[in-house]
C-alpha atoms as a PDB file:
ATOM      1  CA  MET A   1      67.823  14.561  22.784  1.00  0.00           C
ATOM      2  CA  ALA A   2      71.180  14.389  24.325  1.00  0.00           C
ATOM      3  CA  VAL A   3      73.961  16.164  22.477  1.00  0.00           C
ATOM      4  CA  LYS A   4      77.645  15.248  22.677  1.00  0.00           C
ATOM      5  CA  GLY A   5      79.441  17.506  25.200  1.00  0.00           C
ATOM      6  CA  ASN A   6      76.189  18.676  26.794  1.00  0.00           C
ATOM      7  CA  ILE A   7      75.065  17.509  30.216  1.00  0.00           C
ATOM      8  CA  PRO A   8      71.419  16.033  30.231  1.00  0.00           C
ATOM      9  CA  TRP A   9      68.952  18.033  32.134  1.00  0.00           C
ATOM     10  CA  ASN A  10      67.862  14.900  34.279  1.00  0.00           C
ATOM     11  CA  LYS A  11      71.357  13.765  35.230  1.00  0.00           C
ATOM     12  CA  GLY A  12      71.406  12.639  38.741  1.00  0.00           C
ATOM     13  CA  LEU A  13      67.471  13.158  39.055  1.00  0.00           C
ATOM     14  CA  THR A  14      65.256  10.243  39.905  1.00  0.00           C
ATOM     15  CA  LYS A  15      61.394   9.674  39.936  1.00  0.00           C
ATOM     16  CA  GLU A  16      61.449   9.809  43.769  1.00  0.00           C
ATOM     17  CA  THR A  17      63.424  13.215  43.818  1.00  0.00           C
ATOM     18  CA  ASP A  18      61.949  15.026  40.742  1.00  0.00           C
ATOM     19  CA  ALA A  19      58.228  15.226  39.617  1.00  0.00           C
ATOM     20  CA  ARG A  20      59.381  16.018  35.987  1.00  0.00           C
ATOM     21  CA  VAL A  21      61.239  12.709  35.683  1.00  0.00           C
ATOM     22  CA  LYS A  22      58.415  10.656  37.192  1.00  0.00           C
ATOM     23  CA  ARG A  23      55.826  12.224  34.837  1.00  0.00           C
ATOM     24  CA  ASN A  24      58.138  11.551  31.773  1.00  0.00           C
ATOM     25  CA  ALA A  25      58.634   8.025  32.781  1.00  0.00           C
ATOM     26  CA  GLN A  26      54.883   7.538  33.113  1.00  0.00           C
ATOM     27  CA  ASN A  27      54.221   8.997  29.557  1.00  0.00           C
ATOM     28  CA  ILE A  28      57.038   6.655  28.037  1.00  0.00           C
ATOM     29  CA  SER A  29      55.456   3.532  29.755  1.00  0.00           C
ATOM     30  CA  ALA A  30      51.923   4.543  28.653  1.00  0.00           C
ATOM     31  CA  ALA A  31      53.201   4.967  25.043  1.00  0.00           C
ATOM     32  CA  LEU A  32      54.950   1.601  25.018  1.00  0.00           C
ATOM     33  CA  MET A  33      52.150  -0.379  26.683  1.00  0.00           C
ATOM     34  CA  GLY A  34      49.185   1.441  24.902  1.00  0.00           C
ATOM     35  CA  LYS A  35      45.979   2.380  26.555  1.00  0.00           C
ATOM     36  CA  PRO A  36      43.984  -0.268  28.603  1.00  0.00           C
ATOM     37  CA  SER A  37      40.923  -1.506  26.677  1.00  0.00           C
ATOM     38  CA  THR A  38      37.594  -0.219  27.840  1.00  0.00           C
ATOM     39  CA  ARG A  39      35.542  -2.962  26.140  1.00  0.00           C
ATOM     40  CA  ILE A  40      33.501  -5.129  28.424  1.00  0.00           C
ATOM     41  CA  LYS A  41      34.151  -8.825  27.990  1.00  0.00           C
ATOM     42  CA  TYR A  42      31.009 -10.949  27.694  1.00  0.00           C
ATOM     43  CA  SER A  43      30.830 -14.775  28.305  1.00  0.00           C
ATOM     44  CA  MET A  44      29.625 -17.051  25.586  1.00  0.00           C
ATOM     45  CA  ASP A  45      28.577 -19.722  28.172  1.00  0.00           C
ATOM     46  CA  PRO A  46      24.789 -19.543  28.800  1.00  0.00           C
ATOM     47  CA  ASP A  47      25.494 -20.597  32.530  1.00  0.00           C
ATOM     48  CA  ASP A  48      27.342 -17.267  32.900  1.00  0.00           C
ATOM     49  CA  TRP A  49      24.454 -15.110  31.631  1.00  0.00           C
ATOM     50  CA  TYR A  50      23.477 -13.455  34.788  1.00  0.00           C
ATOM     51  CA  ILE A  51      24.073 -10.348  36.942  1.00  0.00           C
ATOM     52  CA  TYR A  52      23.251  -9.449  40.489  1.00  0.00           C
ATOM     53  CA  CYS A  53      20.475  -6.981  41.412  1.00  0.00           C
ATOM     54  CA  ASP A  54      21.847  -3.682  42.817  1.00  0.00           C
ATOM     55  CA  TYR A  55      19.086  -3.534  45.371  1.00  0.00           C
ATOM     56  CA  CYS A  56      18.640  -6.930  46.880  1.00  0.00           C
ATOM     57  CA  ASN A  57      21.756  -8.584  45.418  1.00  0.00           C
ATOM     58  CA  ARG A  58      19.514 -11.349  44.010  1.00  0.00           C
ATOM     59  CA  LYS A  59      20.861 -13.288  40.826  1.00  0.00           C
ATOM     60  CA  VAL A  60      19.020 -12.193  37.801  1.00  0.00           C
ATOM     61  CA  LEU A  61      19.238 -14.868  34.993  1.00  0.00           C
ATOM     62  CA  TYR A  62      18.968 -14.231  31.221  1.00  0.00           C
ATOM     63  CA  LYS A  63      17.679 -16.610  28.480  1.00  0.00           C
ATOM     64  CA  ASN A  64      19.568 -14.961  25.585  1.00  0.00           C
ATOM     65  CA  ARG A  65      23.064 -13.357  25.252  1.00  0.00           C
ATOM     66  CA  GLY A  66      21.590  -9.955  23.829  1.00  0.00           C
ATOM     67  CA  SER A  67      19.740  -9.308  26.991  1.00  0.00           C
ATOM     68  CA  TYR A  68      22.586 -10.275  29.165  1.00  0.00           C
ATOM     69  CA  MET A  69      25.118  -8.100  27.280  1.00  0.00           C
ATOM     70  CA  ASN A  70      22.769  -5.174  27.480  1.00  0.00           C
ATOM     71  CA  ALA A  71      22.425  -5.595  31.314  1.00  0.00           C
ATOM     72  CA  VAL A  72      26.163  -5.811  31.784  1.00  0.00           C
ATOM     73  CA  LEU A  73      26.737  -2.733  29.571  1.00  0.00           C
ATOM     74  CA  ARG A  74      24.145  -0.743  31.623  1.00  0.00           C
ATOM     75  CA  GLN A  75      25.879  -1.704  34.841  1.00  0.00           C
ATOM     76  CA  GLY A  76      29.117  -0.539  33.338  1.00  0.00           C
ATOM     77  CA  LYS A  77      27.611   2.847  32.756  1.00  0.00           C
ATOM     78  CA  ASN A  78      26.616   2.936  36.441  1.00  0.00           C
ATOM     79  CA  ILE A  79      22.899   2.490  35.670  1.00  0.00           C
ATOM     80  CA  LYS A  80      21.391   0.376  38.476  1.00  0.00           C
ATOM     81  CA  LYS A  81      19.929  -2.916  37.463  1.00  0.00           C
ATOM     82  CA  HIS A  82      16.910  -4.394  39.318  1.00  0.00           C
ATOM     83  CA  CYS A  83      15.235  -7.834  39.528  1.00  0.00           C
ATOM     84  CA  ALA A  84      11.538  -8.290  39.181  1.00  0.00           C
ATOM     85  CA  SER A  85      10.764  -7.878  42.818  1.00  0.00           C
ATOM     86  CA  CYS A  86      12.684  -4.514  42.988  1.00  0.00           C
ATOM     87  CA  GLN A  87      11.368  -2.980  39.817  1.00  0.00           C
ATOM     88  CA  ASN A  88       9.542  -0.207  41.512  1.00  0.00           C
ATOM     89  CA  VAL A  89      12.363   0.813  43.908  1.00  0.00           C
ATOM     90  CA  GLY A  90      13.679   4.263  42.951  1.00  0.00           C
ATOM     91  CA  SER A  91      11.445   4.519  39.787  1.00  0.00           C
ATOM     92  CA  LYS A  92       9.704   7.748  38.831  1.00  0.00           C
ATOM     93  CA  ARG A  93       6.391   5.914  38.219  1.00  0.00           C
ATOM     94  CA  SER A  94       3.199   6.968  39.927  1.00  0.00           C
ATOM     95  CA  ASP A  95       2.016   5.024  43.082  1.00  0.00           C
ATOM     96  CA  GLU A  96      -0.946   3.617  40.996  1.00  0.00           C
ATOM     97  CA  THR A  97       1.359   2.119  38.379  1.00  0.00           C
ATOM     98  CA  LYS A  98       3.675   0.705  40.991  1.00  0.00           C
ATOM     99  CA  GLN A  99       0.714  -0.932  42.719  1.00  0.00           C
ATOM    100  CA  LYS A 100      -0.452  -2.535  39.404  1.00  0.00           C
ATOM    101  CA  MET A 101       2.952  -3.867  38.589  1.00  0.00           C
ATOM    102  CA  SER A 102       3.382  -5.319  42.035  1.00  0.00           C
ATOM    103  CA  ILE A 103       0.170  -7.128  41.640  1.00  0.00           C
ATOM    104  CA  ALA A 104       1.121  -8.383  38.214  1.00  0.00           C
ATOM    105  CA  ALA A 105       4.332  -9.699  39.678  1.00  0.00           C
ATOM    106  CA  LYS A 106       2.478 -11.561  42.352  1.00  0.00           C
ATOM    107  CA  ASN A 107       0.180 -13.032  39.894  1.00  0.00           C
ATOM    108  CA  ARG A 108       2.975 -14.543  37.967  1.00  0.00           C
ATOM    109  CA  LYS A 109       3.860 -16.548  41.022  1.00  0.00           C
ATOM    110  CA  LEU A 110       0.400 -17.962  41.441  1.00  0.00           C
ATOM    111  CA  SER A 111      -0.312 -21.632  40.942  1.00  0.00           C
ATOM    112  CA  ASP A 112      -2.804 -22.882  38.395  1.00  0.00           C
ATOM    113  CA  GLU A 113      -5.484 -23.587  41.220  1.00  0.00           C
ATOM    114  CA  ASP A 114      -5.065 -20.099  42.535  1.00  0.00           C
ATOM    115  CA  ARG A 115      -5.525 -18.655  39.049  1.00  0.00           C
ATOM    116  CA  LYS A 116      -8.745 -20.532  38.561  1.00  0.00           C
ATOM    117  CA  ILE A 117     -10.180 -19.237  41.880  1.00  0.00           C
ATOM    118  CA  ARG A 118      -9.196 -15.779  40.906  1.00  0.00           C
ATOM    119  CA  ARG A 119     -10.872 -16.116  37.468  1.00  0.00           C
ATOM    120  CA  LYS A 120     -13.989 -17.270  38.946  1.00  0.00           C
ATOM    121  CA  LYS A 121     -14.234 -14.356  41.271  1.00  0.00           C
ATOM    122  CA  TYR A 122     -13.508 -11.884  38.535  1.00  0.00           C
ATOM    123  CA  SER A 123     -16.071 -13.466  36.291  1.00  0.00           C
ATOM    124  CA  ALA A 124     -18.707 -13.222  39.144  1.00  0.00           C
ATOM    125  CA  ALA A 125     -17.890  -9.623  39.844  1.00  0.00           C
ATOM    126  CA  GLN A 126     -18.086  -8.873  36.095  1.00  0.00           C
ATOM    127  CA  LYS A 127     -21.487 -10.426  35.739  1.00  0.00           C
ATOM    128  CA  LYS A 128     -22.786  -8.504  38.775  1.00  0.00           C
ATOM    129  CA  ARG A 129     -21.415  -5.273  37.167  1.00  0.00           C
ATOM    130  CA  TYR A 130     -22.917  -6.036  33.800  1.00  0.00           C
ATOM    131  CA  LYS A 131     -26.303  -6.866  35.393  1.00  0.00           C
ATOM    132  CA  ASN A 132     -26.473  -3.402  37.221  1.00  0.00           C
ATOM    133  CA  MET A 133     -25.651  -1.590  33.849  1.00  0.00           C
ATOM    134  CA  THR A 134     -28.295   0.422  31.872  1.00  0.00           C
ATOM    135  CA  LEU A 135     -28.868  -0.270  28.169  1.00  0.00           C
ATOM    136  CA  ALA A 136     -26.912   2.802  27.234  1.00  0.00           C
ATOM    137  CA  GLN A 137     -23.929   1.801  29.415  1.00  0.00           C
ATOM    138  CA  ARG A 138     -23.896  -1.699  27.947  1.00  0.00           C
ATOM    139  CA  GLU A 139     -23.952  -0.396  24.359  1.00  0.00           C
ATOM    140  CA  GLU A 140     -20.940   2.045  25.286  1.00  0.00           C
ATOM    141  CA  LEU A 141     -18.926  -0.909  26.742  1.00  0.00           C
ATOM    142  CA  VAL A 142     -19.672  -2.855  23.540  1.00  0.00           C
ATOM    143  CA  LYS A 143     -18.311   0.056  21.398  1.00  0.00           C
ATOM    144  CA  LYS A 144     -15.162   0.252  23.484  1.00  0.00           C
ATOM    145  CA  ARG A 145     -14.435  -3.418  23.213  1.00  0.00           C
ATOM    146  CA  LYS A 146     -14.829  -3.268  19.336  1.00  0.00           C
ATOM    147  CA  GLN A 147     -12.714  -0.300  19.107  1.00  0.00           C
ATOM    148  CA  GLY A 148     -10.119  -2.047  21.239  1.00  0.00           C
ATOM    149  CA  LEU A 149     -10.102  -4.992  18.931  1.00  0.00           C
ATOM    150  CA  LYS A 150      -9.672  -2.744  15.883  1.00  0.00           C
ATOM    151  CA  ASN A 151      -6.649  -0.953  17.567  1.00  0.00           C
ATOM    152  CA  MET A 152      -5.013  -4.135  18.661  1.00  0.00           C
ATOM    153  CA  ASP A 153      -1.667  -5.191  17.191  1.00  0.00           C
ATOM    154  CA  PRO A 154      -2.217  -7.731  14.474  1.00  0.00           C
ATOM    155  CA  LEU A 155       0.278 -10.150  15.787  1.00  0.00           C
ATOM    156  CA  VAL A 156      -1.155 -10.032  19.343  1.00  0.00           C
ATOM    157  CA  LYS A 157      -4.657 -10.658  17.873  1.00  0.00           C
ATOM    158  CA  LYS A 158      -3.406 -13.546  15.818  1.00  0.00           C
ATOM    159  CA  ASN A 159      -1.819 -15.189  18.991  1.00  0.00           C
ATOM    160  CA  GLN A 160      -5.047 -14.611  20.939  1.00  0.00           C
ATOM    161  CA  TYR A 161      -7.155 -16.278  18.331  1.00  0.00           C
ATOM    162  CA  LYS A 162      -4.743 -19.145  18.217  1.00  0.00           C
ATOM    163  CA  LYS A 163      -5.285 -19.725  21.916  1.00  0.00           C
ATOM    164  CA  ILE A 164      -9.013 -19.520  21.500  1.00  0.00           C
ATOM    165  CA  LYS A 165      -9.026 -22.035  18.629  1.00  0.00           C
ATOM    166  CA  ALA A 166      -6.933 -24.460  20.563  1.00  0.00           C
ATOM    167  CA  ALA A 167      -9.343 -24.238  23.591  1.00  0.00           C
ATOM    168  CA  LEU A 168     -12.402 -24.795  21.294  1.00  0.00           C
ATOM    169  CA  ILE A 169     -10.628 -27.834  19.701  1.00  0.00           C
ATOM    170  CA  GLU A 170      -9.982 -29.168  23.189  1.00  0.00           C
ATOM    171  CA  LEU A 171     -13.716 -28.585  24.070  1.00  0.00           C
ATOM    172  CA  LYS A 172     -14.747 -30.387  20.831  1.00  0.00           C
ATOM    173  CA  ALA A 173     -12.731 -33.512  21.769  1.00  0.00           C
ATOM    174  CA  ASN A 174     -14.392 -33.621  25.156  1.00  0.00           C
ATOM    175  CA  SER A 175     -17.347 -35.933  25.175  1.00  0.00           C
ATOM    176  CA  LYS A 176     -19.094 -33.853  27.742  1.00  0.00           C
ATOM    177  CA  TYR A 177     -19.933 -31.178  25.139  1.00  0.00           C
ATOM    178  CA  PRO A 178     -21.087 -33.144  22.063  1.00  0.00           C
ATOM    179  CA  ASN A 179     -23.664 -30.439  20.895  1.00  0.00           C
ATOM    180  CA  THR A 180     -21.795 -27.285  21.951  1.00  0.00           C
ATOM    181  CA  PHE A 181     -20.791 -26.356  18.327  1.00  0.00           C
ATOM    182  CA  LYS A 182     -23.718 -26.743  15.763  1.00  0.00           C
ATOM    183  CA  PRO A 183     -23.036 -25.886  12.244  1.00  0.00           C
ATOM    184  CA  GLY A 184     -25.613 -24.666   9.771  1.00  0.00           C
ATOM    185  CA  TYR A 185     -27.717 -27.252   7.863  1.00  0.00           C
ATOM    186  CA  ASN A 186     -30.128 -27.549   4.847  1.00  0.00           C
ATOM    187  CA  LYS A 187     -33.635 -27.310   6.453  1.00  0.00           C
ATOM    188  CA  ASN A 188     -35.221 -28.500   3.203  1.00  0.00           C
ATOM    189  CA  SER A 189     -33.461 -31.725   3.601  1.00  0.00           C
ATOM    190  CA  ILE A 190     -35.195 -32.694   6.936  1.00  0.00           C
ATOM    191  CA  LYS A 191     -38.487 -33.506   5.277  1.00  0.00           C
ATOM    192  CA  PHE A 192     -36.496 -35.727   2.721  1.00  0.00           C
ATOM    193  CA  ILE A 193     -34.896 -37.685   5.478  1.00  0.00           C
ATOM    194  CA  ASN A 194     -38.001 -38.160   7.660  1.00  0.00           C
ATOM    195  CA  GLU A 195     -40.183 -39.151   4.688  1.00  0.00           C
ATOM    196  CA  ASP A 196     -37.990 -40.859   2.124  1.00  0.00           C
ATOM    197  CA  LEU A 197     -34.809 -42.072   3.807  1.00  0.00           C
ATOM    198  CA  ASN A 198     -36.602 -43.490   7.001  1.00  0.00           C
ATOM    199  CA  LYS A 199     -39.025 -45.438   4.749  1.00  0.00           C
ATOM    200  CA  LYS A 200     -36.311 -46.700   2.351  1.00  0.00           C
ATOM    201  CA  TYR A 201     -34.018 -48.036   4.985  1.00  0.00           C
ATOM    202  CA  LYS A 202     -36.743 -48.860   7.575  1.00  0.00           C
ATOM    203  CA  CYS A 203     -34.964 -46.914  10.402  1.00  0.00           C
ATOM    204  CA  GLU A 204     -35.096 -43.548  12.055  1.00  0.00           C
ATOM    205  CA  PHE A 205     -32.100 -41.395  11.044  1.00  0.00           C
ATOM    206  CA  ARG A 206     -30.653 -38.803  13.390  1.00  0.00           C
ATOM    207  CA  HIS A 207     -30.502 -35.342  11.933  1.00  0.00           C
ATOM    208  CA  ALA A 208     -30.086 -31.640  12.812  1.00  0.00           C
ATOM    209  CA  GLU A 209     -33.623 -31.340  14.065  1.00  0.00           C
ATOM    210  CA  SER A 210     -33.585 -34.600  16.085  1.00  0.00           C
ATOM    211  CA  LYS A 211     -33.954 -34.604  19.833  1.00  0.00           C
ATOM    212  CA  ASP A 212     -30.118 -35.218  20.252  1.00  0.00           C
ATOM    213  CA  GLY A 213     -29.122 -33.067  17.161  1.00  0.00           C
ATOM    214  CA  GLU A 214     -26.765 -34.151  14.487  1.00  0.00           C
ATOM    215  CA  PHE A 215     -24.578 -37.112  15.089  1.00  0.00           C
ATOM    216  CA  ASN A 216     -20.998 -35.938  15.200  1.00  0.00           C
ATOM    217  CA  ILE A 217     -17.302 -37.254  15.705  1.00  0.00           C
ATOM    218  CA  PHE A 218     -14.075 -35.542  16.375  1.00  0.00           C
ATOM    219  CA  ASP A 219     -10.912 -36.142  14.323  1.00  0.00           C
ATOM    220  CA  LYS A 220      -7.969 -35.709  16.739  1.00  0.00           C
ATOM    221  CA  VAL A 221      -5.479 -35.994  13.834  1.00  0.00           C
ATOM    222  CA  ARG A 222      -6.888 -33.162  11.804  1.00  0.00           C
ATOM    223  CA  GLY A 223      -8.381 -31.387  14.931  1.00  0.00           C
ATOM    224  CA  LYS A 224     -11.920 -31.046  13.217  1.00  0.00           C
ATOM    225  CA  SER A 225     -15.419 -32.177  13.978  1.00  0.00           C
ATOM    226  CA  TYR A 226     -17.591 -33.924  11.439  1.00  0.00           C
ATOM    227  CA  TYR A 227     -21.371 -33.732  11.498  1.00  0.00           C
ATOM    228  CA  ALA A 228     -23.639 -36.254   9.610  1.00  0.00           C
ATOM    229  CA  ASP A 229     -26.565 -34.848   7.672  1.00  0.00           C
ATOM    230  CA  ALA A 230     -28.202 -38.203   8.611  1.00  0.00           C
ATOM    231  CA  TYR A 231     -26.874 -41.145  10.564  1.00  0.00           C
ATOM    232  CA  SER A 232     -28.233 -44.397  11.633  1.00  0.00           C
ATOM    233  CA  GLN A 233     -26.594 -46.089  14.606  1.00  0.00           C
ATOM    234  CA  GLU A 234     -28.495 -49.366  13.931  1.00  0.00           C
ATOM    235  CA  LEU A 235     -27.109 -49.676  10.424  1.00  0.00           C
ATOM    236  CA  ASN A 236     -23.815 -47.777  10.992  1.00  0.00           C
ATOM    237  CA  LEU A 237     -24.805 -45.607   7.973  1.00  0.00           C
ATOM    238  CA  TRP A 238     -23.662 -42.110   7.416  1.00  0.00           C
ATOM    239  CA  ILE A 239     -25.539 -40.072   4.735  1.00  0.00           C
ATOM    240  CA  GLU A 240     -24.139 -36.955   3.294  1.00  0.00           C
ATOM    241  CA  ILE A 241     -26.527 -34.576   1.385  1.00  0.00           C
ATOM    242  CA  ASP A 242     -24.455 -32.517  -0.917  1.00  0.00           C
ATOM    243  CA  GLU A 243     -25.478 -29.154  -2.281  1.00  0.00           C
ATOM    244  CA  SER A 244     -23.879 -27.748  -5.440  1.00  0.00           C
ATOM    245  CA  TYR A 245     -20.979 -25.980  -3.754  1.00  0.00           C
ATOM    246  CA  HIS A 246     -19.473 -29.402  -2.744  1.00  0.00           C
ATOM    247  CA  TYR A 247     -18.672 -29.983  -6.509  1.00  0.00           C
ATOM    248  CA  LYS A 248     -16.593 -28.232  -8.972  1.00  0.00           C
ATOM    249  CA  PHE A 249     -16.912 -29.162 -12.598  1.00  0.00           C
ATOM    250  CA  GLY A 250     -18.732 -32.291 -11.414  1.00  0.00           C
ATOM    251  CA  ILE A 251     -15.863 -33.386  -9.206  1.00  0.00           C
ATOM    252  CA  LEU A 252     -16.184 -33.603  -5.461  1.00  0.00           C
ATOM    253  CA  ASN A 253     -13.994 -31.078  -3.575  1.00  0.00           C
ATOM    254  CA  ALA A 254     -10.622 -32.344  -2.248  1.00  0.00           C
ATOM    255  CA  ASP A 255     -11.617 -31.409   1.369  1.00  0.00           C
ATOM    256  CA  ASP A 256     -14.784 -33.488   1.091  1.00  0.00           C
ATOM    257  CA  ILE A 257     -12.824 -36.431  -0.156  1.00  0.00           C
ATOM    258  CA  ILE A 258     -10.264 -36.411   2.743  1.00  0.00           C
ATOM    259  CA  ARG A 259     -13.276 -35.791   5.174  1.00  0.00           C
ATOM    260  CA  GLU A 260     -15.043 -38.871   3.842  1.00  0.00           C
ATOM    261  CA  LYS A 261     -11.992 -40.971   4.177  1.00  0.00           C
ATOM    262  CA  ARG A 262     -11.493 -39.970   7.773  1.00  0.00           C
ATOM    263  CA  ILE A 263     -14.996 -40.625   8.750  1.00  0.00           C
ATOM    264  CA  LYS A 264     -14.822 -44.170   7.254  1.00  0.00           C
ATOM    265  CA  GLU A 265     -11.616 -44.812   9.145  1.00  0.00           C
ATOM    266  CA  ILE A 266     -12.809 -43.569  12.569  1.00  0.00           C
ATOM    267  CA  LEU A 267     -16.316 -45.204  12.417  1.00  0.00           C
ATOM    268  CA  ASN A 268     -15.711 -48.143  10.134  1.00  0.00           C
ATOM    269  CA  CYS A 269     -19.068 -47.272   8.486  1.00  0.00           C
ATOM    270  CA  LYS A 270     -20.752 -47.106   5.159  1.00  0.00           C
ATOM    271  CA  LEU A 271     -21.096 -43.607   3.713  1.00  0.00           C
ATOM    272  CA  ILE A 272     -23.582 -42.652   0.906  1.00  0.00           C
ATOM    273  CA  ARG A 273     -23.499 -39.318  -0.817  1.00  0.00           C
ATOM    274  CA  ILE A 274     -26.742 -37.922  -2.207  1.00  0.00           C
ATOM    275  CA  LYS A 275     -26.632 -34.879  -4.517  1.00  0.00           C
ATOM    276  CA  TRP A 276     -29.175 -32.106  -3.699  1.00  0.00           C
ATOM    277  CA  ASN A 277     -30.629 -29.749  -6.446  1.00  0.00           C
ATOM    278  CA  ILE A 278     -27.623 -30.057  -8.603  1.00  0.00           C
ATOM    279  CA  ASN A 279     -28.437 -28.728 -12.124  1.00  0.00           C
END
């Protein structure tokens, strides 16, 4: 601080001629302006959610802002970012792992037709391998698969079963596979159908032990197949033989009521219910 009557230490000195004056000026400027922000600015526009691969300079796109922010942050810390094609470059993975990952990356780019061909080849190879196995090896393989299902993540298992269910529904809807899925049936009712119902209605009802199996239809709205205990195409007559579990306190179950309604709507037929051994 300058005192009256005293000569300041920096009188006649400039930044160009004295290092102390230059350093002092820089400190004062920094104090007035404040430190520059080190925070990385992220875009809110989805069109800007991309970075460039540090290996091949290819644009890497992101679907959500979180992934994009994480990638930009990593690049700010001088961590190299790679695209899917360059994922094995400079990594510490084993050669076997790198090879598997590169094959997986190629498979993602395959067309649907190529995938079908690959599945057929893989299926043929698996059948051949299974055929050459001994009984002990087959049992060991089955144990491993069962153990794998037990250890599978519940969410992954749920998603897999959803896909399987959707595929089965699609098969049911296809007329090429009318008898692929056969439910259980009351064997004691077959004699009643053949001897009593056929005589009563003077026709031959189709049932579970007929040549073509139970008559069935597929409900696309509910995604379910309905099988008739007995059906006559001549009379367009659908007969349901109900065991005791179809009723609760003498009232037909709600699911059976909806089922009956849908059958009538689809076929525009007459439906008769017969109670079987209800005490």
